[in-house]
Amino acid sequence: MQIYDVFGRYIGVKSTPDGWQVFRVDISERKFSRLYEVVIPDDVSEDQIVRWLDDIYHESASDKHPQVKRIE
């Protein structure tokens, strides 16, 4: 699973035969909860996920958390 810091919250993205799955991540306890309301289109490549997450969550950007970055 890929884990991203998305403007201060942790989001996990996993590739499956059925497409991308998105998870809320509790990084300290390594717990994952599926986010069914967030759908990454099948044509988004792994290299494009940071940009896609930035486009979806850009309203959450702040001075303290100005960007999306992959942490794992």
PDB file of N, CA and C in Angstrom:
ATOM      1  N   MET A   1       0.850  -1.178   0.000  1.00  0.00           N
ATOM      2  CA  MET A   1       0.000   0.000   0.000  1.00  0.00           C
ATOM      3  C   MET A   1       0.894   1.241   0.000  1.00  0.00           C
ATOM      4  N   GLN A   2       0.516   2.200  -0.792  1.00  0.00           N
ATOM      5  CA  GLN A   2       1.206   3.486  -0.817  1.00  0.00           C
ATOM      6  C   GLN A   2       0.533   4.390   0.212  1.00  0.00           C
ATOM      7  N   ILE A   3       1.320   5.130   0.964  1.00  0.00           N
ATOM      8  CA  ILE A   3       0.754   6.042   1.963  1.00  0.00           C
ATOM      9  C   ILE A   3       1.211   7.456   1.638  1.00  0.00           C
ATOM     10  N   TYR A   4       0.253   8.371   1.682  1.00  0.00           N
ATOM     11  CA  TYR A   4       0.498   9.766   1.338  1.00  0.00           C
ATOM     12  C   TYR A   4       0.127  10.666   2.503  1.00  0.00           C
ATOM     13  N   ASP A   5       0.897  11.732   2.679  1.00  0.00           N
ATOM     14  CA  ASP A   5       0.520  12.831   3.562  1.00  0.00           C
ATOM     15  C   ASP A   5      -0.242  13.799   2.674  1.00  0.00           C
ATOM     16  N   VAL A   6      -1.539  13.877   2.897  1.00  0.00           N
ATOM     17  CA  VAL A   6      -2.414  14.716   2.077  1.00  0.00           C
ATOM     18  C   VAL A   6      -2.838  15.904   2.922  1.00  0.00           C
ATOM     19  N   PHE A   7      -2.024  16.943   2.865  1.00  0.00           N
ATOM     20  CA  PHE A   7      -2.294  18.171   3.615  1.00  0.00           C
ATOM     21  C   PHE A   7      -2.530  17.901   5.097  1.00  0.00           C
ATOM     22  N   GLY A   8      -1.703  17.008   5.663  1.00  0.00           N
ATOM     23  CA  GLY A   8      -1.756  16.747   7.094  1.00  0.00           C
ATOM     24  C   GLY A   8      -2.564  15.534   7.506  1.00  0.00           C
ATOM     25  N   ARG A   9      -3.251  14.899   6.587  1.00  0.00           N
ATOM     26  CA  ARG A   9      -3.952  13.655   6.914  1.00  0.00           C
ATOM     27  C   ARG A   9      -3.329  12.540   6.089  1.00  0.00           C
ATOM     28  N   TYR A  10      -3.385  11.335   6.604  1.00  0.00           N
ATOM     29  CA  TYR A  10      -2.754  10.215   5.923  1.00  0.00           C
ATOM     30  C   TYR A  10      -3.787   9.410   5.144  1.00  0.00           C
ATOM     31  N   ILE A  11      -3.475   9.202   3.873  1.00  0.00           N
ATOM     32  CA  ILE A  11      -4.345   8.467   2.972  1.00  0.00           C
ATOM     33  C   ILE A  11      -3.532   7.329   2.366  1.00  0.00           C
ATOM     34  N   GLY A  12      -4.112   6.128   2.375  1.00  0.00           N
ATOM     35  CA  GLY A  12      -3.485   4.977   1.748  1.00  0.00           C
ATOM     36  C   GLY A  12      -4.158   4.671   0.432  1.00  0.00           C
ATOM     37  N   VAL A  13      -3.373   4.239  -0.544  1.00  0.00           N
ATOM     38  CA  VAL A  13      -3.901   3.872  -1.857  1.00  0.00           C
ATOM     39  C   VAL A  13      -3.323   2.507  -2.218  1.00  0.00           C
ATOM     40  N   LYS A  14      -4.217   1.606  -2.613  1.00  0.00           N
ATOM     41  CA  LYS A  14      -3.807   0.238  -2.926  1.00  0.00           C
ATOM     42  C   LYS A  14      -4.346  -0.150  -4.298  1.00  0.00           C
ATOM     43  N   SER A  15      -3.487  -0.734  -5.098  1.00  0.00           N
ATOM     44  CA  SER A  15      -3.895  -1.236  -6.403  1.00  0.00           C
ATOM     45  C   SER A  15      -4.449  -2.652  -6.230  1.00  0.00           C
ATOM     46  N   THR A  16      -5.624  -2.891  -6.806  1.00  0.00           N
ATOM     47  CA  THR A  16      -6.240  -4.219  -6.769  1.00  0.00           C
ATOM     48  C   THR A  16      -6.683  -4.573  -8.192  1.00  0.00           C
ATOM     49  N   PRO A  17      -7.022  -5.826  -8.435  1.00  0.00           N
ATOM     50  CA  PRO A  17      -7.531  -6.201  -9.768  1.00  0.00           C
ATOM     51  C   PRO A  17      -8.802  -5.427 -10.147  1.00  0.00           C
ATOM     52  N   ASP A  18      -9.526  -4.919  -9.147  1.00  0.00           N
ATOM     53  CA  ASP A  18     -10.755  -4.159  -9.408  1.00  0.00           C
ATOM     54  C   ASP A  18     -10.511  -2.662  -9.493  1.00  0.00           C
ATOM     55  N   GLY A  19      -9.266  -2.217  -9.393  1.00  0.00           N
ATOM     56  CA  GLY A  19      -8.955  -0.784  -9.453  1.00  0.00           C
ATOM     57  C   GLY A  19      -8.323  -0.309  -8.156  1.00  0.00           C
ATOM     58  N   TRP A  20      -8.184   0.998  -8.039  1.00  0.00           N
ATOM     59  CA  TRP A  20      -7.581   1.604  -6.853  1.00  0.00           C
ATOM     60  C   TRP A  20      -8.553   1.552  -5.683  1.00  0.00           C
ATOM     61  N   GLN A  21      -8.035   1.269  -4.484  1.00  0.00           N
ATOM     62  CA  GLN A  21      -8.807   1.389  -3.247  1.00  0.00           C
ATOM     63  C   GLN A  21      -8.136   2.460  -2.395  1.00  0.00           C
ATOM     64  N   VAL A  22      -8.945   3.248  -1.706  1.00  0.00           N
ATOM     65  CA  VAL A  22      -8.452   4.370  -0.909  1.00  0.00           C
ATOM     66  C   VAL A  22      -8.818   4.128   0.552  1.00  0.00           C
ATOM     67  N   PHE A  23      -7.872   4.450   1.457  1.00  0.00           N
ATOM     68  CA  PHE A  23      -8.037   4.201   2.883  1.00  0.00           C
ATOM     69  C   PHE A  23      -7.636   5.414   3.705  1.00  0.00           C
ATOM     70  N   ARG A  24      -8.329   5.613   4.817  1.00  0.00           N
ATOM     71  CA  ARG A  24      -7.870   6.530   5.862  1.00  0.00           C
ATOM     72  C   ARG A  24      -6.846   5.739   6.655  1.00  0.00           C
ATOM     73  N   VAL A  25      -5.722   6.371   7.016  1.00  0.00           N
ATOM     74  CA  VAL A  25      -4.636   5.667   7.683  1.00  0.00           C
ATOM     75  C   VAL A  25      -4.374   6.288   9.054  1.00  0.00           C
ATOM     76  N   ASP A  26      -4.348   5.453  10.084  1.00  0.00           N
ATOM     77  CA  ASP A  26      -3.850   5.855  11.405  1.00  0.00           C
ATOM     78  C   ASP A  26      -2.399   5.395  11.419  1.00  0.00           C
ATOM     79  N   ILE A  27      -1.503   6.312  11.145  1.00  0.00           N
ATOM     80  CA  ILE A  27      -0.097   5.972  10.956  1.00  0.00           C
ATOM     81  C   ILE A  27       0.553   5.445  12.226  1.00  0.00           C
ATOM     82  N   SER A  28       0.129   5.933  13.373  1.00  0.00           N
ATOM     83  CA  SER A  28       0.761   5.501  14.628  1.00  0.00           C
ATOM     84  C   SER A  28       0.390   4.064  14.992  1.00  0.00           C
ATOM     85  N   GLU A  29      -0.834   3.641  14.670  1.00  0.00           N
ATOM     86  CA  GLU A  29      -1.274   2.285  15.003  1.00  0.00           C
ATOM     87  C   GLU A  29      -1.316   1.355  13.790  1.00  0.00           C
ATOM     88  N   ARG A  30      -0.977   1.904  12.613  1.00  0.00           N
ATOM     89  CA  ARG A  30      -0.988   1.124  11.376  1.00  0.00           C
ATOM     90  C   ARG A  30      -2.365   0.492  11.127  1.00  0.00           C
ATOM     91  N   LYS A  31      -3.411   1.297  11.328  1.00  0.00           N
ATOM     92  CA  LYS A  31      -4.779   0.861  11.069  1.00  0.00           C
ATOM     93  C   LYS A  31      -5.290   1.562   9.823  1.00  0.00           C
ATOM     94  N   PHE A  32      -6.113   0.837   9.045  1.00  0.00           N
ATOM     95  CA  PHE A  32      -6.618   1.351   7.792  1.00  0.00           C
ATOM     96  C   PHE A  32      -8.130   1.194   7.742  1.00  0.00           C
ATOM     97  N   SER A  33      -8.820   2.244   7.316  1.00  0.00           N
ATOM     98  CA  SER A  33     -10.274   2.205   7.150  1.00  0.00           C
ATOM     99  C   SER A  33     -10.586   2.596   5.709  1.00  0.00           C
ATOM    100  N   ARG A  34     -11.334   1.766   5.028  1.00  0.00           N
ATOM    101  CA  ARG A  34     -11.645   2.013   3.620  1.00  0.00           C
ATOM    102  C   ARG A  34     -12.496   3.261   3.470  1.00  0.00           C
ATOM    103  N   LEU A  35     -12.145   4.095   2.491  1.00  0.00           N
ATOM    104  CA  LEU A  35     -12.919   5.284   2.134  1.00  0.00           C
ATOM    105  C   LEU A  35     -13.661   4.982   0.830  1.00  0.00           C
ATOM    106  N   TYR A  36     -14.898   4.600   0.937  1.00  0.00           N
ATOM    107  CA  TYR A  36     -15.671   4.218  -0.241  1.00  0.00           C
ATOM    108  C   TYR A  36     -16.105   5.429  -1.063  1.00  0.00           C
ATOM    109  N   GLU A  37     -16.171   6.599  -0.435  1.00  0.00           N
ATOM    110  CA  GLU A  37     -16.642   7.790  -1.142  1.00  0.00           C
ATOM    111  C   GLU A  37     -15.556   8.441  -1.998  1.00  0.00           C
ATOM    112  N   VAL A  38     -14.314   7.971  -1.885  1.00  0.00           N
ATOM    113  CA  VAL A  38     -13.216   8.496  -2.689  1.00  0.00           C
ATOM    114  C   VAL A  38     -12.866   7.446  -3.739  1.00  0.00           C
ATOM    115  N   VAL A  39     -12.998   7.823  -5.007  1.00  0.00           N
ATOM    116  CA  VAL A  39     -12.750   6.890  -6.102  1.00  0.00           C
ATOM    117  C   VAL A  39     -11.669   7.463  -7.005  1.00  0.00           C
ATOM    118  N   ILE A  40     -10.612   6.691  -7.187  1.00  0.00           N
ATOM    119  CA  ILE A  40      -9.565   7.076  -8.127  1.00  0.00           C
ATOM    120  C   ILE A  40      -9.859   6.348  -9.439  1.00  0.00           C
ATOM    121  N   PRO A  41      -9.994   7.091 -10.529  1.00  0.00           N
ATOM    122  CA  PRO A  41     -10.285   6.445 -11.813  1.00  0.00           C
ATOM    123  C   PRO A  41      -9.199   5.437 -12.208  1.00  0.00           C
ATOM    124  N   ASP A  42      -9.604   4.397 -12.915  1.00  0.00           N
ATOM    125  CA  ASP A  42      -8.679   3.339 -13.327  1.00  0.00           C
ATOM    126  C   ASP A  42      -7.566   3.844 -14.237  1.00  0.00           C
ATOM    127  N   ASP A  43      -7.805   4.930 -14.974  1.00  0.00           N
ATOM    128  CA  ASP A  43      -6.788   5.417 -15.902  1.00  0.00           C
ATOM    129  C   ASP A  43      -5.720   6.293 -15.237  1.00  0.00           C
ATOM    130  N   VAL A  44      -5.836   6.523 -13.914  1.00  0.00           N
ATOM    131  CA  VAL A  44      -4.809   7.265 -13.177  1.00  0.00           C
ATOM    132  C   VAL A  44      -3.676   6.296 -12.852  1.00  0.00           C
ATOM    133  N   SER A  45      -2.465   6.643 -13.292  1.00  0.00           N
ATOM    134  CA  SER A  45      -1.315   5.781 -13.033  1.00  0.00           C
ATOM    135  C   SER A  45      -0.766   6.041 -11.632  1.00  0.00           C
ATOM    136  N   GLU A  46       0.083   5.139 -11.163  1.00  0.00           N
ATOM    137  CA  GLU A  46       0.700   5.308  -9.843  1.00  0.00           C
ATOM    138  C   GLU A  46       1.456   6.631  -9.752  1.00  0.00           C
ATOM    139  N   ASP A  47       2.122   7.025 -10.839  1.00  0.00           N
ATOM    140  CA  ASP A  47       2.872   8.288 -10.849  1.00  0.00           C
ATOM    141  C   ASP A  47       1.962   9.511 -10.785  1.00  0.00           C
ATOM    142  N   GLN A  48       0.697   9.369 -11.109  1.00  0.00           N
ATOM    143  CA  GLN A  48      -0.243  10.492 -11.139  1.00  0.00           C
ATOM    144  C   GLN A  48      -1.060  10.628  -9.857  1.00  0.00           C
ATOM    145  N   ILE A  49      -0.911   9.711  -8.926  1.00  0.00           N
ATOM    146  CA  ILE A  49      -1.756   9.723  -7.731  1.00  0.00           C
ATOM    147  C   ILE A  49      -1.520  10.968  -6.885  1.00  0.00           C
ATOM    148  N   VAL A  50      -0.279  11.404  -6.707  1.00  0.00           N
ATOM    149  CA  VAL A  50      -0.022  12.620  -5.913  1.00  0.00           C
ATOM    150  C   VAL A  50      -0.794  13.796  -6.496  1.00  0.00           C
ATOM    151  N   ARG A  51      -0.723  13.964  -7.795  1.00  0.00           N
ATOM    152  CA  ARG A  51      -1.434  15.083  -8.436  1.00  0.00           C
ATOM    153  C   ARG A  51      -2.942  14.932  -8.278  1.00  0.00           C
ATOM    154  N   TRP A  52      -3.448  13.698  -8.435  1.00  0.00           N
ATOM    155  CA  TRP A  52      -4.883  13.469  -8.313  1.00  0.00           C
ATOM    156  C   TRP A  52      -5.367  13.797  -6.895  1.00  0.00           C
ATOM    157  N   LEU A  53      -4.625  13.315  -5.870  1.00  0.00           N
ATOM    158  CA  LEU A  53      -4.991  13.625  -4.488  1.00  0.00           C
ATOM    159  C   LEU A  53      -4.930  15.127  -4.222  1.00  0.00           C
ATOM    160  N   ASP A  54      -3.941  15.797  -4.792  1.00  0.00           N
ATOM    161  CA  ASP A  54      -3.838  17.252  -4.650  1.00  0.00           C
ATOM    162  C   ASP A  54      -5.066  17.934  -5.255  1.00  0.00           C
ATOM    163  N   ASP A  55      -5.495  17.494  -6.429  1.00  0.00           N
ATOM    164  CA  ASP A  55      -6.675  18.075  -7.078  1.00  0.00           C
ATOM    165  C   ASP A  55      -7.936  17.873  -6.247  1.00  0.00           C
ATOM    166  N   ILE A  56      -8.095  16.694  -5.653  1.00  0.00           N
ATOM    167  CA  ILE A  56      -9.304  16.380  -4.894  1.00  0.00           C
ATOM    168  C   ILE A  56      -9.343  17.092  -3.542  1.00  0.00           C
ATOM    169  N   TYR A  57      -8.196  17.163  -2.859  1.00  0.00           N
ATOM    170  CA  TYR A  57      -8.156  17.673  -1.483  1.00  0.00           C
ATOM    171  C   TYR A  57      -7.523  19.055  -1.352  1.00  0.00           C
ATOM    172  N   HIS A  58      -7.347  19.805  -2.442  1.00  0.00           N
ATOM    173  CA  HIS A  58      -6.617  21.072  -2.359  1.00  0.00           C
ATOM    174  C   HIS A  58      -7.229  22.086  -1.395  1.00  0.00           C
ATOM    175  N   GLU A  59      -8.498  21.971  -1.096  1.00  0.00           N
ATOM    176  CA  GLU A  59      -9.122  22.902  -0.139  1.00  0.00           C
ATOM    177  C   GLU A  59      -8.556  22.723   1.272  1.00  0.00           C
ATOM    178  N   SER A  60      -7.918  21.596   1.529  1.00  0.00           N
ATOM    179  CA  SER A  60      -7.348  21.318   2.850  1.00  0.00           C
ATOM    180  C   SER A  60      -5.931  21.849   3.016  1.00  0.00           C
ATOM    181  N   ALA A  61      -5.369  22.420   1.963  1.00  0.00           N
ATOM    182  CA  ALA A  61      -4.001  22.950   2.044  1.00  0.00           C
ATOM    183  C   ALA A  61      -3.929  24.082   3.057  1.00  0.00           C
ATOM    184  N   SER A  62      -2.798  24.163   3.759  1.00  0.00           N
ATOM    185  CA  SER A  62      -2.574  25.232   4.736  1.00  0.00           C
ATOM    186  C   SER A  62      -1.092  25.586   4.721  1.00  0.00           C
ATOM    187  N   ASP A  63      -0.739  26.637   5.454  1.00  0.00           N
ATOM    188  CA  ASP A  63       0.676  27.008   5.553  1.00  0.00           C
ATOM    189  C   ASP A  63       1.487  25.885   6.181  1.00  0.00           C
ATOM    190  N   LYS A  64       0.905  25.189   7.138  1.00  0.00           N
ATOM    191  CA  LYS A  64       1.604  24.100   7.812  1.00  0.00           C
ATOM    192  C   LYS A  64       1.698  22.848   6.937  1.00  0.00           C
ATOM    193  N   HIS A  65       0.684  22.622   6.105  1.00  0.00           N
ATOM    194  CA  HIS A  65       0.626  21.441   5.231  1.00  0.00           C
ATOM    195  C   HIS A  65       0.284  21.894   3.805  1.00  0.00           C
ATOM    196  N   PRO A  66       1.290  22.389   3.071  1.00  0.00           N
ATOM    197  CA  PRO A  66       1.017  22.987   1.762  1.00  0.00           C
ATOM    198  C   PRO A  66       0.975  22.025   0.572  1.00  0.00           C
ATOM    199  N   GLN A  67       1.291  20.741   0.803  1.00  0.00           N
ATOM    200  CA  GLN A  67       1.395  19.848  -0.350  1.00  0.00           C
ATOM    201  C   GLN A  67       1.054  18.411  -0.012  1.00  0.00           C
ATOM    202  N   VAL A  68       0.872  17.632  -1.057  1.00  0.00           N
ATOM    203  CA  VAL A  68       0.687  16.183  -0.939  1.00  0.00           C
ATOM    204  C   VAL A  68       2.030  15.540  -1.228  1.00  0.00           C
ATOM    205  N   LYS A  69       2.418  14.578  -0.392  1.00  0.00           N
ATOM    206  CA  LYS A  69       3.662  13.872  -0.651  1.00  0.00           C
ATOM    207  C   LYS A  69       3.525  12.413  -0.239  1.00  0.00           C
ATOM    208  N   ARG A  70       4.212  11.571  -0.978  1.00  0.00           N
ATOM    209  CA  ARG A  70       4.209  10.147  -0.673  1.00  0.00           C
ATOM    210  C   ARG A  70       5.215   9.911   0.452  1.00  0.00           C
ATOM    211  N   ILE A  71       4.786   9.178   1.506  1.00  0.00           N
ATOM    212  CA  ILE A  71       5.687   8.904   2.622  1.00  0.00           C
ATOM    213  C   ILE A  71       6.084   7.431   2.687  1.00  0.00           C
ATOM    214  N   GLU A  72       5.346   6.570   2.054  1.00  0.00           N
ATOM    215  CA  GLU A  72       5.690   5.136   1.968  1.00  0.00           C
ATOM    216  C   GLU A  72       5.227   4.605   0.636  1.00  0.00           C
TER     217      GLU A  72
END
